[in-house]
N, C-alpha and C. Protein backbone atom coordinates (compact mmCIF):
# COMPACT_ATOMS: atom_id res chain seq x y z
N MET A 1 115.31 174.37 58.22
CA MET A 1 116.39 174.29 58.22
C MET A 1 117.17 172.66 58.18
N GLU A 2 117.93 172.21 57.09
CA GLU A 2 118.46 171.01 57.04
C GLU A 2 119.29 170.75 57.94
N LEU A 3 119.51 169.74 58.34
CA LEU A 3 120.78 169.49 59.04
C LEU A 3 121.63 168.28 58.28
N ASP A 4 122.95 168.23 58.51
CA ASP A 4 123.74 167.87 57.87
C ASP A 4 123.49 166.10 57.92
N SER A 5 124.08 165.37 56.96
CA SER A 5 123.66 163.83 56.93
C SER A 5 124.16 163.36 58.06
N ASN A 6 125.78 163.65 58.40
CA ASN A 6 126.53 163.20 59.48
C ASN A 6 126.04 163.36 60.97
N PHE A 7 124.89 164.49 60.92
CA PHE A 7 124.73 165.06 62.42
C PHE A 7 124.81 164.30 63.33
N GLU A 8 124.42 162.95 63.09
CA GLU A 8 123.97 161.93 64.41
C GLU A 8 125.52 161.60 64.74
N ASP A 9 126.12 160.53 63.67
CA ASP A 9 127.63 160.36 63.81
C ASP A 9 128.72 161.85 64.21
N ASP A 10 128.67 162.24 63.55
CA ASP A 10 129.96 163.72 64.25
C ASP A 10 128.90 164.28 65.86
N LEU A 11 127.74 163.95 66.35
CA LEU A 11 127.35 164.03 67.67
C LEU A 11 127.48 163.04 68.22
N ARG A 12 127.78 161.90 67.87
CA ARG A 12 127.99 161.05 68.63
C ARG A 12 129.85 161.19 69.20
N ASP A 13 130.50 161.22 67.87
CA ASP A 13 131.67 161.55 68.08
C ASP A 13 132.29 162.44 69.50
N ALA A 14 131.24 163.66 69.09
CA ALA A 14 131.88 164.98 69.97
C ALA A 14 131.42 164.46 71.51
N ILE A 15 130.42 163.44 71.63
CA ILE A 15 129.74 162.74 73.05
C ILE A 15 130.95 162.14 73.53
N LEU A 16 131.39 161.02 72.73
CA LEU A 16 132.48 160.10 72.84
C LEU A 16 133.54 160.90 73.73
N ASP A 17 134.30 161.95 72.54
CA ASP A 17 135.28 162.73 72.65
C ASP A 17 135.36 163.61 73.67
N ALA A 18 134.10 163.85 74.49
CA ALA A 18 134.05 164.60 75.64
C ALA A 18 133.90 163.94 76.91
N GLY A 19 133.76 162.33 76.56
CA GLY A 19 133.58 161.45 77.63
C GLY A 19 135.25 161.13 77.82
N GLU A 20 135.91 160.95 76.50
CA GLU A 20 137.03 160.07 76.73
C GLU A 20 138.12 161.08 77.48
N GLU A 21 137.80 162.65 77.01
CA GLU A 21 138.68 163.54 78.01
C GLU A 21 138.45 163.64 79.15
N HIS A 22 137.23 163.27 79.75
CA HIS A 22 136.83 163.59 81.00
C HIS A 22 136.96 162.47 81.97
N ALA A 23 137.08 161.14 81.19
CA ALA A 23 137.78 160.07 82.11
C ALA A 23 139.39 159.94 82.13
N ALA A 24 139.51 160.64 81.19
CA ALA A 24 141.39 160.62 81.11
C ALA A 24 141.72 161.98 82.10
N ASP A 25 140.84 163.06 82.20
CA ASP A 25 141.57 164.23 82.45
C ASP A 25 141.33 163.90 84.49
N SER A 26 140.13 163.41 84.83
CA SER A 26 139.90 163.21 85.96
C SER A 26 139.19 161.54 86.21
N LEU A 27 138.26 161.34 85.68
CA LEU A 27 137.82 159.89 86.35
C LEU A 27 139.05 158.66 86.39
N ALA A 28 139.87 158.45 85.31
CA ALA A 28 140.91 157.75 85.69
C ALA A 28 141.89 158.30 86.99
N ASP A 29 142.00 159.25 87.33
CA ASP A 29 142.85 159.64 88.54
C ASP A 29 142.03 159.23 89.88
N GLU A 30 140.60 159.38 90.07
CA GLU A 30 139.79 159.33 91.02
C GLU A 30 139.41 157.78 91.13
N TYR A 31 139.64 157.08 89.94
CA TYR A 31 139.28 155.76 90.22
C TYR A 31 140.76 155.16 90.71
N GLU A 32 141.55 155.17 89.81
CA GLU A 32 142.85 154.45 90.52
C GLU A 32 143.11 154.87 92.47
N ALA A 33 143.11 156.32 92.51
CA ALA A 33 143.31 156.64 94.06
C ALA A 33 141.89 155.86 94.91
N LEU A 34 140.68 155.93 94.52
CA LEU A 34 139.51 155.07 95.11
C LEU A 34 140.12 153.59 95.45
N LEU A 35 140.29 153.14 94.55
CA LEU A 35 140.92 151.49 94.27
C LEU A 35 142.00 151.23 94.93
N ARG A 36 143.01 152.20 95.22
CA ARG A 36 144.06 152.14 96.11
C ARG A 36 143.91 152.27 97.58
N GLU A 37 142.90 152.75 97.52
CA GLU A 37 142.44 153.46 98.83
C GLU A 37 142.06 152.12 99.56
N LYS A 38 141.10 151.52 98.86
CA LYS A 38 140.12 150.22 99.41
C LYS A 38 140.94 149.09 99.50
N ILE A 39 142.14 148.92 98.62
CA ILE A 39 143.01 147.72 98.46
C ILE A 39 143.45 147.90 100.13
N GLU A 40 144.19 148.87 100.18
CA GLU A 40 144.51 149.51 101.37
C GLU A 40 143.90 149.23 102.42
N ALA A 41 143.07 149.56 102.40
CA ALA A 41 141.96 149.30 103.81
C ALA A 41 141.81 147.58 103.72
N TYR A 42 141.43 147.11 102.93
CA TYR A 42 141.34 145.39 102.89
C TYR A 42 142.36 145.09 103.74
N GLY A 43 143.60 145.37 103.28
CA GLY A 43 144.90 144.69 103.52
C GLY A 43 145.22 145.12 105.06
N SER A 44 144.65 146.23 105.43
CA SER A 44 144.65 146.55 106.96
C SER A 44 143.99 145.99 107.51
N GLN A 45 142.90 145.99 107.22
CA GLN A 45 141.54 144.95 108.13
C GLN A 45 141.77 143.76 108.01
N HIS A 46 142.50 143.08 107.04
CA HIS A 46 142.60 141.76 107.43
C HIS A 46 144.04 141.27 107.66
N ASP A 47 144.79 142.28 107.71
CA ASP A 47 146.71 141.99 107.82
C ASP A 47 146.96 141.43 106.84
N TYR A 48 146.86 141.96 105.40
CA TYR A 48 147.41 141.33 104.51
C TYR A 48 148.57 142.05 103.94
N ASP A 49 149.41 141.72 103.06
CA ASP A 49 150.29 142.34 102.91
C ASP A 49 150.07 142.75 100.98
N VAL A 50 149.31 144.06 100.92
CA VAL A 50 148.81 144.10 99.24
C VAL A 50 149.63 145.00 98.37
N SER A 51 151.07 144.66 98.74
CA SER A 51 151.95 145.81 98.18
C SER A 51 151.95 145.31 96.44
N THR A 52 152.01 143.86 96.48
CA THR A 52 152.31 143.27 95.22
C THR A 52 150.95 144.02 94.41
N LEU A 53 149.56 143.91 94.80
CA LEU A 53 148.34 144.26 94.16
C LEU A 53 148.78 145.94 94.08
N LEU A 54 148.91 146.52 94.72
CA LEU A 54 149.09 148.35 94.60
C LEU A 54 150.15 148.48 93.41
N ALA A 55 151.41 147.77 93.64
CA ALA A 55 152.60 147.85 92.67
C ALA A 55 152.25 147.40 91.09
N GLY A 56 151.35 146.53 91.31
CA GLY A 56 151.05 145.93 89.67
C GLY A 56 149.90 146.68 89.11
N LEU A 57 148.82 148.20 90.36
CA LEU A 57 147.57 148.47 89.68
C LEU A 57 148.15 149.62 88.53
N SER A 58 147.27 149.98 87.79
CA SER A 58 147.16 150.86 86.65
C SER A 58 145.72 150.84 86.48
N VAL A 59 145.64 152.05 85.58
CA VAL A 59 143.98 152.49 85.13
C VAL A 59 144.05 152.81 83.84
N GLU A 60 143.21 152.61 82.89
CA GLU A 60 143.62 153.14 81.45
C GLU A 60 142.04 153.16 81.06
N VAL A 61 141.86 154.41 80.40
CA VAL A 61 140.88 154.77 79.13
C VAL A 61 140.87 154.26 78.29
N ASP A 62 139.92 153.43 77.82
CA ASP A 62 139.54 152.50 76.68
C ASP A 62 138.47 152.81 75.92
N ARG A 63 138.86 153.64 74.58
CA ARG A 63 137.59 153.89 73.74
C ARG A 63 137.46 152.96 72.79
N THR A 64 136.48 152.41 72.57
CA THR A 64 136.31 151.19 71.17
C THR A 64 134.65 151.14 70.84
N GLY A 65 134.48 151.68 69.84
CA GLY A 65 133.06 151.58 69.18
C GLY A 65 132.42 152.85 69.81
N ASP A 66 131.36 152.80 70.52
CA ASP A 66 130.28 153.85 71.27
C ASP A 66 130.88 153.36 72.67
N ALA A 67 131.60 153.51 72.51
CA ALA A 67 132.01 153.35 74.84
C ALA A 67 133.05 153.75 74.91
N VAL A 68 133.30 154.48 76.12
CA VAL A 68 134.44 154.57 76.52
C VAL A 68 134.52 154.19 77.99
N ARG A 69 135.80 153.16 78.38
CA ARG A 69 135.33 152.21 79.51
C ARG A 69 136.85 152.86 80.28
N LEU A 70 136.83 152.39 81.53
CA LEU A 70 137.63 152.81 82.54
C LEU A 70 137.95 151.34 82.68
N ARG A 71 139.52 151.05 82.74
CA ARG A 71 140.05 149.64 82.91
C ARG A 71 141.10 149.56 84.14
N ALA A 72 140.78 148.99 85.04
CA ALA A 72 141.76 148.52 85.56
C ALA A 72 142.60 147.49 85.87
N ARG A 73 143.86 147.43 85.58
CA ARG A 73 144.76 146.37 85.65
C ARG A 73 145.68 145.88 86.50
N LEU A 74 145.31 144.94 87.54
CA LEU A 74 145.84 144.21 88.48
C LEU A 74 146.46 142.78 88.47
N PRO A 75 147.59 142.82 89.30
CA PRO A 75 147.75 141.41 89.11
C PRO A 75 147.09 140.25 89.48
N ASP A 76 147.18 138.93 89.04
CA ASP A 76 146.52 138.03 88.69
C ASP A 76 145.66 137.76 90.29
N PRO A 77 146.52 137.79 91.66
CA PRO A 77 146.04 137.39 92.67
C PRO A 77 144.89 138.30 92.76
N ALA A 78 144.59 139.70 92.39
CA ALA A 78 143.57 140.25 92.72
C ALA A 78 142.59 139.62 92.45
N LEU A 79 142.18 139.00 91.78
CA LEU A 79 140.66 138.13 91.68
C LEU A 79 140.20 137.53 92.97
N LEU A 80 141.54 136.69 93.35
CA LEU A 80 141.15 135.95 94.90
C LEU A 80 141.04 136.74 95.88
N PHE A 81 141.72 138.10 96.01
CA PHE A 81 141.43 138.89 97.10
C PHE A 81 139.75 139.61 96.70
N GLU A 82 139.64 139.94 95.85
CA GLU A 82 137.91 140.24 95.36
C GLU A 82 137.28 139.65 95.61
N ARG A 83 137.27 138.40 94.82
CA ARG A 83 135.81 137.25 95.25
C ARG A 83 135.96 136.45 96.62
N GLY A 84 137.22 136.52 97.22
CA GLY A 84 137.30 135.79 98.30
C GLY A 84 137.78 134.43 98.06
N THR A 85 138.36 133.23 98.73
CA THR A 85 138.47 132.08 99.01
C THR A 85 137.97 131.24 99.87
N ALA A 86 137.42 130.00 99.49
CA ALA A 86 137.14 129.07 100.57
C ALA A 86 138.51 128.56 101.18
N ARG A 87 138.10 127.53 102.07
CA ARG A 87 139.38 127.10 103.05
C ARG A 87 139.85 126.36 102.07
N HIS A 88 141.17 125.81 101.84
CA HIS A 88 141.48 124.67 100.61
C HIS A 88 142.94 124.62 100.93
N GLU A 89 143.19 123.89 100.28
CA GLU A 89 144.81 123.17 100.47
C GLU A 89 145.51 123.86 99.15
N VAL A 90 146.60 124.13 99.72
CA VAL A 90 147.84 124.78 99.06
C VAL A 90 148.75 123.84 98.84
N GLU A 91 149.29 123.48 97.22
CA GLU A 91 150.42 122.58 97.28
C GLU A 91 151.44 123.40 96.83
N ALA A 92 152.84 122.80 96.77
CA ALA A 92 153.49 123.20 96.24
C ALA A 92 153.65 122.28 94.70
N LYS A 93 153.95 123.85 93.75
CA LYS A 93 153.56 123.27 92.27
C LYS A 93 154.81 123.23 91.49
N ASN A 94 156.06 124.40 91.55
CA ASN A 94 156.73 124.48 90.80
C ASN A 94 158.40 124.19 91.88
N ALA A 95 157.77 123.70 93.18
CA ALA A 95 159.01 123.07 94.01
C ALA A 95 158.75 122.03 94.66
N ASP A 96 159.47 121.64 95.04
CA ASP A 96 159.54 120.29 96.34
C ASP A 96 158.44 120.68 97.62
N VAL A 97 158.56 121.80 97.79
CA VAL A 97 157.92 121.96 99.24
C VAL A 97 157.60 124.01 98.95
N LEU A 98 156.87 124.12 99.94
CA LEU A 98 156.21 125.26 100.11
C LEU A 98 157.55 125.74 101.30
N SER A 99 157.62 127.05 101.12
CA SER A 99 158.35 127.70 102.56
C SER A 99 157.99 129.16 102.65
N PHE A 100 157.51 129.13 104.42
CA PHE A 100 157.09 130.46 104.59
C PHE A 100 157.25 130.68 106.32
N ILE A 101 157.04 131.60 106.76
CA ILE A 101 156.76 131.95 108.70
C ILE A 101 155.71 131.78 108.98
N TRP A 102 155.99 130.72 109.57
CA TRP A 102 154.57 130.33 110.62
C TRP A 102 154.55 131.12 111.70
N SER A 103 153.75 132.43 111.71
CA SER A 103 154.15 133.32 112.83
C SER A 103 153.16 133.03 114.24
N GLU A 104 153.60 133.59 115.26
CA GLU A 104 152.59 133.40 116.52
C GLU A 104 151.78 134.71 116.24
N GLY A 105 150.75 134.29 116.85
CA GLY A 105 149.71 135.33 117.19
C GLY A 105 149.57 136.07 116.00
N GLY A 106 149.72 135.54 114.64
CA GLY A 106 149.03 136.12 113.56
C GLY A 106 147.73 135.85 113.27
N ARG A 107 147.19 136.41 112.33
CA ARG A 107 145.51 135.76 112.01
C ARG A 107 145.51 134.31 111.76
N GLY A 108 146.71 133.78 111.60
CA GLY A 108 145.92 132.04 111.45
C GLY A 108 146.31 131.34 112.66
N ALA A 109 146.42 130.07 112.82
CA ALA A 109 146.34 129.43 114.18
C ALA A 109 148.04 129.37 114.23
N ASP A 110 148.36 129.71 115.98
CA ASP A 110 149.81 129.95 116.34
C ASP A 110 150.31 128.24 115.80
N PRO A 111 151.35 128.36 115.26
CA PRO A 111 152.40 127.16 115.50
C PRO A 111 152.10 126.11 116.23
N PRO A 112 151.94 124.91 115.68
CA PRO A 112 151.68 123.64 117.01
C PRO A 112 152.89 123.25 117.57
N GLU A 113 153.00 122.41 118.27
CA GLU A 113 154.31 122.18 119.41
C GLU A 113 155.24 121.13 118.13
N TRP A 114 154.77 120.48 117.49
CA TRP A 114 155.39 120.09 116.40
C TRP A 114 156.58 120.81 115.55
N VAL A 115 155.60 122.00 114.98
CA VAL A 115 156.62 122.88 114.16
C VAL A 115 157.56 123.84 114.88
N ARG A 116 157.21 123.98 116.41
CA ARG A 116 158.63 124.47 117.18
C ARG A 116 159.29 123.90 117.54
N GLU A 117 159.14 122.65 117.50
CA GLU A 117 160.25 121.01 117.74
C GLU A 117 160.97 121.21 116.68
N GLU A 118 160.53 120.97 115.21
CA GLU A 118 161.18 120.50 114.25
C GLU A 118 162.05 121.83 113.56
N TYR A 119 161.41 122.88 113.18
CA TYR A 119 161.40 123.86 112.67
C TYR A 119 162.10 124.80 112.79
N GLU A 120 163.32 125.49 112.62
CA GLU A 120 164.15 127.00 113.24
C GLU A 120 163.19 127.85 113.32
N ARG A 121 163.76 128.65 114.38
CA ARG A 121 162.72 130.30 114.95
C ARG A 121 163.26 131.09 113.96
N GLU A 122 162.11 132.45 113.26
CA GLU A 122 163.27 132.80 112.15
C GLU A 122 161.84 133.95 112.37
N SER A 123 162.05 135.11 112.37
CA SER A 123 161.89 136.51 112.73
C SER A 123 160.81 136.52 113.73
N ASP A 124 159.46 136.83 113.51
CA ASP A 124 158.47 136.43 114.55
C ASP A 124 157.44 134.85 114.31
N GLY A 125 158.37 133.80 113.99
CA GLY A 125 157.87 132.66 113.86
C GLY A 125 159.09 131.69 113.45
N TRP A 126 158.55 130.57 113.03
CA TRP A 126 159.46 129.40 112.54
C TRP A 126 159.15 129.70 110.74
N ARG A 127 160.58 129.13 110.65
CA ARG A 127 160.67 128.56 108.93
C ARG A 127 160.14 127.48 108.74
N VAL A 128 159.36 127.19 107.80
CA VAL A 128 158.54 126.17 107.79
C VAL A 128 158.95 125.50 106.04
N PHE A 129 159.18 123.96 106.03
CA PHE A 129 159.24 123.57 104.64
C PHE A 129 158.07 122.73 104.76
N LEU A 130 157.28 122.69 104.16
CA LEU A 130 155.74 121.73 103.88
C LEU A 130 155.70 121.56 101.95
N PRO A 131 155.44 120.09 102.12
CA PRO A 131 154.66 119.97 100.62
C PRO A 131 153.36 120.79 100.53
N SER A 132 152.45 121.01 101.40
CA SER A 132 151.02 121.54 101.07
C SER A 132 150.78 122.05 102.36
N VAL A 133 149.64 122.78 102.41
CA VAL A 133 149.13 123.41 103.80
C VAL A 133 147.90 123.07 103.49
N GLU A 134 146.89 123.47 104.39
CA GLU A 134 145.75 123.85 104.56
C GLU A 134 145.57 125.38 105.14
N VAL A 135 144.60 126.01 104.28
CA VAL A 135 144.85 127.47 104.42
C VAL A 135 143.55 127.86 104.64
N GLU A 136 142.77 128.97 105.50
CA GLU A 136 141.34 129.01 105.98
C GLU A 136 140.72 129.89 104.46
N GLY A 137 141.20 130.45 103.91
CA GLY A 137 140.52 130.94 102.54
C GLY A 137 140.91 132.59 102.62
N LEU A 138 140.34 133.23 101.95
CA LEU A 138 140.32 134.61 101.82
C LEU A 138 139.22 135.33 101.97
N PRO A 139 138.60 136.30 102.68
CA PRO A 139 137.62 136.95 103.38
C PRO A 139 137.27 137.89 101.61
N GLU A 140 136.02 138.14 101.28
CA GLU A 140 135.74 138.52 100.34
C GLU A 140 136.18 139.93 100.37
N GLY A 141 136.75 140.79 99.13
CA GLY A 141 137.17 142.09 99.42
C GLY A 141 136.87 143.43 98.73
N ARG A 142 135.87 142.95 97.81
CA ARG A 142 135.08 143.67 96.97
C ARG A 142 135.73 145.16 96.61
N PHE A 143 136.61 145.02 96.40
CA PHE A 143 137.28 146.77 96.31
C PHE A 143 137.08 147.19 94.74
N ILE A 144 136.93 145.87 93.77
CA ILE A 144 137.15 146.51 92.43
C ILE A 144 135.27 146.74 92.40
N ARG A 145 134.94 145.90 92.68
CA ARG A 145 133.16 146.08 92.28
C ARG A 145 132.51 147.29 93.18
N ASP A 146 132.98 147.75 94.34
CA ASP A 146 132.74 148.73 95.18
C ASP A 146 133.22 150.19 94.80
N THR A 147 134.39 150.28 94.00
CA THR A 147 135.00 151.30 93.49
C THR A 147 134.46 151.71 92.15
N LEU A 148 134.15 150.48 91.19
CA LEU A 148 133.20 150.58 89.80
C LEU A 148 132.09 151.36 90.54
N ALA A 149 131.30 151.18 91.37
CA ALA A 149 129.74 151.26 92.18
C ALA A 149 130.26 152.91 92.54
N GLU A 150 131.10 153.24 92.80
CA GLU A 150 131.24 154.68 93.41
C GLU A 150 131.61 155.71 92.49
N ILE A 151 132.66 155.10 91.64
CA ILE A 151 132.79 155.85 90.27
C ILE A 151 131.36 156.28 89.27
N ARG A 152 130.71 154.73 89.49
CA ARG A 152 129.50 155.25 88.05
C ARG A 152 128.67 156.20 89.12
N ARG A 153 128.67 156.19 90.56
CA ARG A 153 127.67 157.05 91.06
C ARG A 153 128.49 158.64 91.11
N ARG A 154 129.25 158.85 90.90
CA ARG A 154 130.14 160.08 90.96
C ARG A 154 130.16 160.82 89.62
N ALA A 155 130.19 160.01 88.43
CA ALA A 155 130.26 160.31 86.79
C ALA A 155 128.81 160.56 86.48
N SER A 156 127.70 160.22 87.38
CA SER A 156 126.16 160.49 86.44
C SER A 156 125.75 161.43 87.24
């Protein structure tokens, strides 16, 4: 029996076609659902609003050369939540000041007396206008890496 000279190329293409179809038909939806679940859990655990991350999330199947990949697209801040950040200063860049509501009993320190005296009460805190603030940083989320590890386990 003699094999066609294109046998290896045809077999590789058939395997990649099957992998791409499987990724598009089931793994992409599973990946996105699991990633959403992990991002929501991170937000809930740390009392963060992660709606921007969830709204910007999409998953694509990408085939290039001899590889089929699932690619998650997330807004830029996602990497900060994924890897975490150390305590740092945030400075106003595109405006003269930062503006936010400094809440009582939230995840950060309660507003000091000078904030309560100088600024107006709004919602569950005080609307402040500051040129910079020191923030505690973000805890490492690992939702992207953990989701990838889970999908790899399920796919193998």
